[in-house]
């Protein structure tokens, strides 16, 4: 069993999946640290959803601009 596990861990597909997982786990951390989602200055569930949606949009827009800068240089 251990030999089979070691063999699959060396494959490109396994490494690719591990890298994606690390990226997904980092997103909530970024929202907490940079976008301060734990301390939202709004009340109510709908307002919180809108506020959080705007923060996600800001993060996506920032990634888009960064990607465009890399593409032009």
PDB file of N, CA and C in Angstrom:
ATOM      1  N   UNK A   1       0.825  -1.188   0.000  1.00  0.00           N
ATOM      2  CA  UNK A   1       0.000   0.000   0.000  1.00  0.00           C
ATOM      3  C   UNK A   1       0.869   1.253   0.000  1.00  0.00           C
ATOM      4  N   UNK A   2       1.885   1.270   0.836  1.00  0.00           N
ATOM      5  CA  UNK A   2       2.753   2.440   0.916  1.00  0.00           C
ATOM      6  C   UNK A   2       3.487   2.663  -0.397  1.00  0.00           C
ATOM      7  N   UNK A   3       3.903   1.592  -1.025  1.00  0.00           N
ATOM      8  CA  UNK A   3       4.573   1.690  -2.319  1.00  0.00           C
ATOM      9  C   UNK A   3       3.669   2.267  -3.392  1.00  0.00           C
ATOM     10  N   UNK A   4       2.402   1.848  -3.385  1.00  0.00           N
ATOM     11  CA  UNK A   4       1.443   2.384  -4.348  1.00  0.00           C
ATOM     12  C   UNK A   4       1.227   3.877  -4.120  1.00  0.00           C
ATOM     13  N   UNK A   5       1.124   4.272  -2.848  1.00  0.00           N
ATOM     14  CA  UNK A   5       0.930   5.684  -2.512  1.00  0.00           C
ATOM     15  C   UNK A   5       2.114   6.525  -2.956  1.00  0.00           C
ATOM     16  N   UNK A   6       3.318   6.042  -2.716  1.00  0.00           N
ATOM     17  CA  UNK A   6       4.520   6.774  -3.143  1.00  0.00           C
ATOM     18  C   UNK A   6       4.564   6.929  -4.656  1.00  0.00           C
ATOM     19  N   UNK A   7       4.133   5.877  -5.356  1.00  0.00           N
ATOM     20  CA  UNK A   7       4.141   5.916  -6.818  1.00  0.00           C
ATOM     21  C   UNK A   7       3.162   6.976  -7.339  1.00  0.00           C
ATOM     22  N   UNK A   8       1.960   7.040  -6.759  1.00  0.00           N
ATOM     23  CA  UNK A   8       0.973   8.022  -7.222  1.00  0.00           C
ATOM     24  C   UNK A   8       1.376   9.446  -6.828  1.00  0.00           C
ATOM     25  N   UNK A   9       2.096   9.621  -5.726  1.00  0.00           N
ATOM     26  CA  UNK A   9       2.492  10.955  -5.294  1.00  0.00           C
ATOM     27  C   UNK A   9       3.515  11.581  -6.241  1.00  0.00           C
ATOM     28  N   UNK A  10       4.218  10.783  -7.005  1.00  0.00           N
ATOM     29  CA  UNK A  10       5.202  11.296  -7.943  1.00  0.00           C
ATOM     30  C   UNK A  10       4.630  11.662  -9.300  1.00  0.00           C
ATOM     31  N   UNK A  11       3.375  11.335  -9.538  1.00  0.00           N
ATOM     32  CA  UNK A  11       2.771  11.602 -10.836  1.00  0.00           C
ATOM     33  C   UNK A  11       2.406  13.081 -10.976  1.00  0.00           C
ATOM     34  N   UNK A  12       2.412  13.555 -12.217  1.00  0.00           N
ATOM     35  CA  UNK A  12       2.130  14.966 -12.484  1.00  0.00           C
ATOM     36  C   UNK A  12       0.704  15.349 -12.093  1.00  0.00           C
ATOM     37  N   UNK A  13      -0.241  14.452 -12.319  1.00  0.00           N
ATOM     38  CA  UNK A  13      -1.641  14.734 -12.001  1.00  0.00           C
ATOM     39  C   UNK A  13      -1.821  14.961 -10.498  1.00  0.00           C
ATOM     40  N   UNK A  14      -1.185  14.169  -9.678  1.00  0.00           N
ATOM     41  CA  UNK A  14      -1.285  14.302  -8.219  1.00  0.00           C
ATOM     42  C   UNK A  14      -0.679  15.631  -7.772  1.00  0.00           C
ATOM     43  N   UNK A  15       0.458  15.983  -8.324  1.00  0.00           N
ATOM     44  CA  UNK A  15       1.121  17.236  -7.961  1.00  0.00           C
ATOM     45  C   UNK A  15       0.261  18.428  -8.377  1.00  0.00           C
ATOM     46  N   UNK A  16      -0.363  18.334  -9.537  1.00  0.00           N
ATOM     47  CA  UNK A  16      -1.239  19.406 -10.024  1.00  0.00           C
ATOM     48  C   UNK A  16      -2.427  19.603  -9.079  1.00  0.00           C
ATOM     49  N   UNK A  17      -3.038  18.513  -8.631  1.00  0.00           N
ATOM     50  CA  UNK A  17      -4.165  18.593  -7.702  1.00  0.00           C
ATOM     51  C   UNK A  17      -3.738  19.190  -6.364  1.00  0.00           C
ATOM     52  N   UNK A  18      -2.567  18.839  -5.891  1.00  0.00           N
ATOM     53  CA  UNK A  18      -2.067  19.391  -4.625  1.00  0.00           C
ATOM     54  C   UNK A  18      -1.851  20.893  -4.727  1.00  0.00           C
ATOM     55  N   UNK A  19      -1.333  21.353  -5.852  1.00  0.00           N
ATOM     56  CA  UNK A  19      -1.104  22.780  -6.038  1.00  0.00           C
ATOM     57  C   UNK A  19      -2.413  23.555  -6.094  1.00  0.00           C
ATOM     58  N   UNK A  20      -3.432  22.998  -6.719  1.00  0.00           N
ATOM     59  CA  UNK A  20      -4.735  23.659  -6.772  1.00  0.00           C
ATOM     60  C   UNK A  20      -5.333  23.762  -5.386  1.00  0.00           C
ATOM     61  N   UNK A  21      -5.193  22.734  -4.589  1.00  0.00           N
ATOM     62  CA  UNK A  21      -5.746  22.751  -3.248  1.00  0.00           C
ATOM     63  C   UNK A  21      -5.106  23.851  -2.414  1.00  0.00           C
ATOM     64  N   UNK A  22      -3.801  24.014  -2.537  1.00  0.00           N
ATOM     65  CA  UNK A  22      -3.114  25.041  -1.769  1.00  0.00           C
ATOM     66  C   UNK A  22      -3.617  26.428  -2.167  1.00  0.00           C
ATOM     67  N   UNK A  23      -3.887  26.631  -3.451  1.00  0.00           N
ATOM     68  CA  UNK A  23      -4.396  27.918  -3.909  1.00  0.00           C
ATOM     69  C   UNK A  23      -5.787  28.207  -3.383  1.00  0.00           C
ATOM     70  N   UNK A  24      -6.625  27.209  -3.345  1.00  0.00           N
ATOM     71  CA  UNK A  24      -7.991  27.376  -2.859  1.00  0.00           C
ATOM     72  C   UNK A  24      -8.003  27.669  -1.364  1.00  0.00           C
ATOM     73  N   UNK A  25      -7.125  27.044  -0.614  1.00  0.00           N
ATOM     74  CA  UNK A  25      -7.092  27.260   0.822  1.00  0.00           C
ATOM     75  C   UNK A  25      -6.533  28.639   1.170  1.00  0.00           C
ATOM     76  N   UNK A  26      -5.799  29.251   0.281  1.00  0.00           N
ATOM     77  CA  UNK A  26      -5.222  30.562   0.555  1.00  0.00           C
ATOM     78  C   UNK A  26      -6.205  31.702   0.377  1.00  0.00           C
ATOM     79  N   UNK A  27      -7.262  31.496  -0.395  1.00  0.00           N
ATOM     80  CA  UNK A  27      -8.219  32.563  -0.695  1.00  0.00           C
ATOM     81  C   UNK A  27      -8.929  33.069   0.557  1.00  0.00           C
ATOM     82  N   UNK A  28      -9.470  32.199   1.439  1.00  0.00           N
ATOM     83  CA  UNK A  28     -10.098  32.729   2.654  1.00  0.00           C
ATOM     84  C   UNK A  28      -9.116  33.514   3.532  1.00  0.00           C
ATOM     85  N   UNK A  29      -7.872  33.078   3.549  1.00  0.00           N
ATOM     86  CA  UNK A  29      -6.861  33.783   4.331  1.00  0.00           C
ATOM     87  C   UNK A  29      -6.634  35.187   3.792  1.00  0.00           C
ATOM     88  N   UNK A  30      -6.590  35.314   2.475  1.00  0.00           N
ATOM     89  CA  UNK A  30      -6.400  36.634   1.853  1.00  0.00           C
ATOM     90  C   UNK A  30      -7.579  37.538   2.178  1.00  0.00           C
ATOM     91  N   UNK A  31      -8.792  37.005   2.099  1.00  0.00           N
ATOM     92  CA  UNK A  31      -9.971  37.825   2.407  1.00  0.00           C
ATOM     93  C   UNK A  31      -9.967  38.272   3.863  1.00  0.00           C
ATOM     94  N   UNK A  32      -9.488  37.428   4.742  1.00  0.00           N
ATOM     95  CA  UNK A  32      -9.442  37.815   6.158  1.00  0.00           C
ATOM     96  C   UNK A  32      -8.380  38.873   6.417  1.00  0.00           C
ATOM     97  N   UNK A  33      -7.191  38.671   5.852  1.00  0.00           N
ATOM     98  CA  UNK A  33      -6.078  39.584   6.131  1.00  0.00           C
ATOM     99  C   UNK A  33      -6.189  40.892   5.364  1.00  0.00           C
ATOM    100  N   UNK A  34      -6.410  40.810   4.059  1.00  0.00           N
ATOM    101  CA  UNK A  34      -6.332  42.006   3.228  1.00  0.00           C
ATOM    102  C   UNK A  34      -7.665  42.746   3.107  1.00  0.00           C
ATOM    103  N   UNK A  35      -8.752  42.005   2.984  1.00  0.00           N
ATOM    104  CA  UNK A  35     -10.044  42.633   2.755  1.00  0.00           C
ATOM    105  C   UNK A  35     -10.890  42.735   4.021  1.00  0.00           C
ATOM    106  N   UNK A  36     -10.371  42.256   5.151  1.00  0.00           N
ATOM    107  CA  UNK A  36     -10.974  42.448   6.468  1.00  0.00           C
ATOM    108  C   UNK A  36     -12.453  42.041   6.507  1.00  0.00           C
ATOM    109  N   UNK A  37     -12.761  40.822   6.064  1.00  0.00           N
ATOM    110  CA  UNK A  37     -14.153  40.386   6.003  1.00  0.00           C
ATOM    111  C   UNK A  37     -14.713  39.980   7.369  1.00  0.00           C
ATOM    112  N   UNK A  38     -13.862  39.814   8.355  1.00  0.00           N
ATOM    113  CA  UNK A  38     -14.369  39.463   9.682  1.00  0.00           C
ATOM    114  C   UNK A  38     -15.002  40.664  10.379  1.00  0.00           C
ATOM    115  N   UNK A  39     -14.653  41.856   9.959  1.00  0.00           N
ATOM    116  CA  UNK A  39     -15.142  43.095  10.586  1.00  0.00           C
ATOM    117  C   UNK A  39     -15.887  43.938   9.556  1.00  0.00           C
ATOM    118  N   UNK A  40     -17.031  43.457   9.088  1.00  0.00           N
ATOM    119  CA  UNK A  40     -17.790  44.209   8.096  1.00  0.00           C
ATOM    120  C   UNK A  40     -18.640  45.279   8.786  1.00  0.00           C
ATOM    121  N   UNK A  41     -18.627  46.510   8.250  1.00  0.00           N
ATOM    122  CA  UNK A  41     -19.355  47.605   8.895  1.00  0.00           C
ATOM    123  C   UNK A  41     -20.833  47.672   8.492  1.00  0.00           C
ATOM    124  N   UNK A  42     -21.450  46.535   8.211  1.00  0.00           N
ATOM    125  CA  UNK A  42     -22.856  46.520   7.801  1.00  0.00           C
ATOM    126  C   UNK A  42     -23.618  45.535   8.681  1.00  0.00           C
ATOM    127  N   UNK A  43     -24.932  45.720   8.721  1.00  0.00           N
ATOM    128  CA  UNK A  43     -25.799  44.819   9.480  1.00  0.00           C
ATOM    129  C   UNK A  43     -26.789  44.171   8.537  1.00  0.00           C
ATOM    130  N   UNK A  44     -27.159  42.950   8.848  1.00  0.00           N
ATOM    131  CA  UNK A  44     -28.145  42.230   8.057  1.00  0.00           C
ATOM    132  C   UNK A  44     -27.493  41.288   7.064  1.00  0.00           C
ATOM    133  N   UNK A  45     -28.191  40.183   6.815  1.00  0.00           N
ATOM    134  CA  UNK A  45     -27.640  39.140   5.959  1.00  0.00           C
ATOM    135  C   UNK A  45     -27.494  39.601   4.513  1.00  0.00           C
ATOM    136  N   UNK A  46     -28.504  40.313   4.000  1.00  0.00           N
ATOM    137  CA  UNK A  46     -28.452  40.760   2.607  1.00  0.00           C
ATOM    138  C   UNK A  46     -27.325  41.770   2.414  1.00  0.00           C
ATOM    139  N   UNK A  47     -27.198  42.707   3.320  1.00  0.00           N
ATOM    140  CA  UNK A  47     -26.137  43.711   3.225  1.00  0.00           C
ATOM    141  C   UNK A  47     -24.762  43.058   3.316  1.00  0.00           C
ATOM    142  N   UNK A  48     -24.637  42.053   4.172  1.00  0.00           N
ATOM    143  CA  UNK A  48     -23.355  41.357   4.284  1.00  0.00           C
ATOM    144  C   UNK A  48     -23.017  40.619   2.996  1.00  0.00           C
ATOM    145  N   UNK A  49     -24.027  40.017   2.366  1.00  0.00           N
ATOM    146  CA  UNK A  49     -23.795  39.313   1.099  1.00  0.00           C
ATOM    147  C   UNK A  49     -23.354  40.290   0.012  1.00  0.00           C
ATOM    148  N   UNK A  50     -23.987  41.443  -0.042  1.00  0.00           N
ATOM    149  CA  UNK A  50     -23.618  42.458  -1.034  1.00  0.00           C
ATOM    150  C   UNK A  50     -22.209  42.957  -0.757  1.00  0.00           C
ATOM    151  N   UNK A  51     -21.908  43.254   0.501  1.00  0.00           N
ATOM    152  CA  UNK A  51     -20.592  43.762   0.894  1.00  0.00           C
ATOM    153  C   UNK A  51     -19.497  42.747   0.541  1.00  0.00           C
ATOM    154  N   UNK A  52     -19.745  41.485   0.865  1.00  0.00           N
ATOM    155  CA  UNK A  52     -18.770  40.442   0.572  1.00  0.00           C
ATOM    156  C   UNK A  52     -18.626  40.260  -0.936  1.00  0.00           C
ATOM    157  N   UNK A  53     -19.722  40.327  -1.664  1.00  0.00           N
ATOM    158  CA  UNK A  53     -19.679  40.221  -3.121  1.00  0.00           C
ATOM    159  C   UNK A  53     -18.828  41.319  -3.741  1.00  0.00           C
ATOM    160  N   UNK A  54     -18.932  42.527  -3.203  1.00  0.00           N
ATOM    161  CA  UNK A  54     -18.102  43.624  -3.697  1.00  0.00           C
ATOM    162  C   UNK A  54     -16.625  43.374  -3.408  1.00  0.00           C
ATOM    163  N   UNK A  55     -16.330  42.774  -2.268  1.00  0.00           N
ATOM    164  CA  UNK A  55     -14.937  42.457  -1.928  1.00  0.00           C
ATOM    165  C   UNK A  55     -14.376  41.387  -2.869  1.00  0.00           C
ATOM    166  N   UNK A  56     -15.193  40.392  -3.193  1.00  0.00           N
ATOM    167  CA  UNK A  56     -14.772  39.352  -4.135  1.00  0.00           C
ATOM    168  C   UNK A  56     -14.550  39.967  -5.513  1.00  0.00           C
ATOM    169  N   UNK A  57     -15.445  40.858  -5.922  1.00  0.00           N
ATOM    170  CA  UNK A  57     -15.291  41.526  -7.211  1.00  0.00           C
ATOM    171  C   UNK A  57     -14.003  42.341  -7.249  1.00  0.00           C
ATOM    172  N   UNK A  58     -13.686  43.022  -6.140  1.00  0.00           N
ATOM    173  CA  UNK A  58     -12.458  43.808  -6.070  1.00  0.00           C
ATOM    174  C   UNK A  58     -11.230  42.913  -6.199  1.00  0.00           C
ATOM    175  N   UNK A  59     -11.256  41.773  -5.536  1.00  0.00           N
ATOM    176  CA  UNK A  59     -10.125  40.848  -5.603  1.00  0.00           C
ATOM    177  C   UNK A  59      -9.961  40.301  -7.023  1.00  0.00           C
ATOM    178  N   UNK A  60     -11.066  39.957  -7.669  1.00  0.00           N
ATOM    179  CA  UNK A  60     -11.012  39.440  -9.037  1.00  0.00           C
ATOM    180  C   UNK A  60     -10.523  40.504 -10.012  1.00  0.00           C
ATOM    181  N   UNK A  61     -10.970  41.745  -9.824  1.00  0.00           N
ATOM    182  CA  UNK A  61     -10.550  42.834 -10.687  1.00  0.00           C
ATOM    183  C   UNK A  61      -9.053  43.097 -10.533  1.00  0.00           C
ATOM    184  N   UNK A  62      -8.573  43.016  -9.296  1.00  0.00           N
ATOM    185  CA  UNK A  62      -7.147  43.209  -9.044  1.00  0.00           C
ATOM    186  C   UNK A  62      -6.319  42.117  -9.725  1.00  0.00           C
ATOM    187  N   UNK A  63      -6.805  40.864  -9.665  1.00  0.00           N
ATOM    188  CA  UNK A  63      -6.118  39.765 -10.343  1.00  0.00           C
ATOM    189  C   UNK A  63      -6.126  39.969 -11.862  1.00  0.00           C
ATOM    190  N   UNK A  64      -7.246  40.477 -12.394  1.00  0.00           N
ATOM    191  CA  UNK A  64      -7.347  40.736 -13.820  1.00  0.00           C
ATOM    192  C   UNK A  64      -6.324  41.782 -14.253  1.00  0.00           C
ATOM    193  N   UNK A  65      -6.237  42.871 -13.506  1.00  0.00           N
ATOM    194  CA  UNK A  65      -5.270  43.921 -13.847  1.00  0.00           C
ATOM    195  C   UNK A  65      -3.837  43.408 -13.766  1.00  0.00           C
ATOM    196  N   UNK A  66      -3.567  42.609 -12.765  1.00  0.00           N
ATOM    197  CA  UNK A  66      -2.213  42.035 -12.625  1.00  0.00           C
ATOM    198  C   UNK A  66      -1.917  41.119 -13.808  1.00  0.00           C
ATOM    199  N   UNK A  67      -2.876  40.331 -14.234  1.00  0.00           N
ATOM    200  CA  UNK A  67      -2.686  39.443 -15.371  1.00  0.00           C
ATOM    201  C   UNK A  67      -2.492  40.206 -16.663  1.00  0.00           C
ATOM    202  N   UNK A  68      -3.219  41.318 -16.835  1.00  0.00           N
ATOM    203  CA  UNK A  68      -3.065  42.133 -18.029  1.00  0.00           C
ATOM    204  C   UNK A  68      -1.681  42.804 -18.077  1.00  0.00           C
ATOM    205  N   UNK A  69      -1.188  43.213 -16.920  1.00  0.00           N
ATOM    206  CA  UNK A  69       0.153  43.809 -16.854  1.00  0.00           C
ATOM    207  C   UNK A  69       1.210  42.793 -17.256  1.00  0.00           C
ATOM    208  N   UNK A  70       1.052  41.554 -16.801  1.00  0.00           N
ATOM    209  CA  UNK A  70       2.012  40.512 -17.158  1.00  0.00           C
ATOM    210  C   UNK A  70       1.948  40.187 -18.646  1.00  0.00           C
ATOM    211  N   UNK A  71       0.748  40.236 -19.220  1.00  0.00           N
ATOM    212  CA  UNK A  71       0.586  39.898 -20.619  1.00  0.00           C
ATOM    213  C   UNK A  71       1.192  40.961 -21.536  1.00  0.00           C
ATOM    214  N   UNK A  72       1.148  42.213 -21.109  1.00  0.00           N
ATOM    215  CA  UNK A  72       1.663  43.302 -21.962  1.00  0.00           C
ATOM    216  C   UNK A  72       3.174  43.441 -21.846  1.00  0.00           C
ATOM    217  N   UNK A  73       3.757  42.944 -20.773  1.00  0.00           N
ATOM    218  CA  UNK A  73       5.206  43.106 -20.631  1.00  0.00           C
ATOM    219  C   UNK A  73       5.974  41.916 -21.128  1.00  0.00           C
TER     220      UNK A  73
END
